Amino acid sequence: MERAYREYKARGLEILAVSVDAGHEAVVAVAVSKFMNELKLSFPALLDPGWKVVNLYRVLGLPATYLIDRGGVIRAVEIGQRDWFSPESRKKLEELLQ
C-alpha cells in the first residue's frame, strides 16, 4: 500500500488506515504508531476501538480495503491481503483516479 500511495498520491490517492484494536487509547495509539513507523508507512491511521467505521462500512473481514472515488462512492471492496502494486491493482487504482 505504501508503494502505491507514494506512486499515486500526487494524482489524488488518499489512504487512511483504520485500527480496530481495543484497549486503553494511549496504549493502542503507541502500538499503532510503532507499527506504522516500523513499516515506514506515511499515510495516516485512525483509531476506531468502538468499531464505528467497521459498522458504518459493514466490514466483513480484516484486513479490508475500500476504494472510494472522488464523489464518495465505494467502487470496490477487497477483503484480505493484496499486493497494491501488482498490475491488476494498479489498473484499479488508475481507473479510480481518472
Protein backbone atom coordinates (compact mmCIF):
# COMPACT_ATOMS: atom_id res chain seq x y z
CA MET A 1 0.00 0.00 0.00
CA GLU A 2 2.83 2.38 0.82
CA ARG A 3 4.40 1.90 -2.58
CA ALA A 4 1.07 2.56 -4.32
CA TYR A 5 0.47 5.56 -2.07
CA ARG A 6 3.82 7.11 -2.97
CA GLU A 7 3.20 6.43 -6.66
CA TYR A 8 -0.32 7.86 -6.83
CA LYS A 9 -0.70 10.43 -4.03
CA ALA A 10 0.18 13.30 -6.37
CA ARG A 11 -2.79 12.23 -8.51
CA GLY A 12 -5.15 12.32 -5.54
CA LEU A 13 -4.85 8.88 -3.93
CA GLU A 14 -5.56 9.04 -0.21
CA ILE A 15 -5.11 6.14 2.17
CA LEU A 16 -6.43 6.02 5.71
CA ALA A 17 -5.52 3.03 7.83
CA VAL A 18 -8.09 2.16 10.49
CA SER A 19 -7.08 0.30 13.64
CA VAL A 20 -9.86 -1.52 15.46
CA ASP A 21 -7.65 -2.61 18.33
CA ALA A 22 -9.34 -2.37 21.72
CA GLY A 23 -7.72 -1.23 24.91
CA HIS A 24 -6.59 1.96 26.55
CA GLU A 25 -6.49 4.60 23.83
CA ALA A 26 -3.00 5.84 24.68
CA VAL A 27 -1.57 2.30 24.64
CA VAL A 28 -3.24 1.49 21.33
CA ALA A 29 -2.07 4.80 19.85
CA VAL A 30 1.53 4.00 20.79
CA ALA A 31 1.25 0.47 19.34
CA VAL A 32 -0.26 1.75 16.08
CA SER A 33 2.36 4.48 15.80
CA LYS A 34 5.13 1.94 16.38
CA PHE A 35 3.64 -0.36 13.71
CA MET A 36 3.34 2.50 11.21
CA ASN A 37 6.93 3.59 11.90
CA GLU A 38 8.35 0.05 11.66
CA LEU A 39 6.76 -0.40 8.25
CA LYS A 40 7.66 3.17 7.24
CA LEU A 41 4.05 3.97 6.35
CA SER A 42 3.47 7.62 5.52
CA PHE A 43 -0.32 7.66 5.28
CA PRO A 44 -2.40 8.44 8.39
CA ALA A 45 -4.03 5.95 10.75
CA LEU A 46 -7.32 6.34 12.58
CA LEU A 47 -8.09 4.62 15.88
CA ASP A 48 -11.55 3.02 15.90
CA PRO A 49 -11.73 0.93 19.09
CA GLY A 50 -15.54 1.29 19.18
CA TRP A 51 -15.83 -0.10 15.64
CA LYS A 52 -17.81 2.90 14.37
CA VAL A 53 -16.07 2.79 10.98
CA VAL A 54 -16.36 -1.02 10.85
CA ASN A 55 -20.11 -0.78 11.40
CA LEU A 56 -20.56 2.17 9.05
CA TYR A 57 -18.86 0.31 6.18
CA ARG A 58 -20.19 -3.13 7.19
CA VAL A 59 -16.71 -4.65 7.21
CA LEU A 60 -16.91 -8.43 6.81
CA GLY A 61 -13.28 -9.34 7.42
CA LEU A 62 -9.89 -7.90 8.19
CA PRO A 63 -7.88 -6.53 6.62
CA ALA A 64 -10.40 -4.78 4.40
CA THR A 65 -9.75 -2.16 1.75
CA TYR A 66 -12.40 0.14 0.35
CA LEU A 67 -11.74 2.02 -2.87
CA ILE A 68 -13.82 5.18 -2.79
CA ASP A 69 -13.99 7.59 -5.71
CA ARG A 70 -13.74 11.37 -5.53
CA GLY A 71 -17.51 11.58 -5.16
CA GLY A 72 -17.53 9.34 -2.08
CA VAL A 73 -18.91 6.29 -3.89
CA ILE A 74 -17.47 2.90 -2.94
CA ARG A 75 -16.13 1.41 -6.19
CA ALA A 76 -14.51 -1.77 -4.86
CA VAL A 77 -14.06 -3.74 -1.66
CA GLU A 78 -11.14 -6.09 -1.11
CA ILE A 79 -11.06 -8.41 1.91
CA GLY A 80 -7.71 -9.88 2.88
CA GLN A 81 -4.18 -9.06 1.92
CA ARG A 82 -3.40 -7.77 -1.53
CA ASP A 83 -0.37 -6.52 -3.41
CA TRP A 84 -1.48 -2.98 -4.20
CA PHE A 85 1.37 -2.52 -6.65
CA SER A 86 0.55 -5.56 -8.79
CA PRO A 87 -0.53 -4.87 -12.39
CA GLU A 88 -4.15 -5.77 -11.55
CA SER A 89 -4.24 -3.48 -8.52
CA ARG A 90 -2.50 -0.65 -10.34
CA LYS A 91 -5.12 -0.89 -13.10
CA LYS A 92 -7.89 -0.50 -10.48
CA LEU A 93 -6.15 2.49 -8.97
CA GLU A 94 -5.54 4.07 -12.38
CA GLU A 95 -9.25 3.72 -13.23
CA LEU A 96 -10.29 5.15 -9.89
CA LEU A 97 -8.02 8.20 -10.26
CA GLN A 98 -9.22 9.19 -13.74
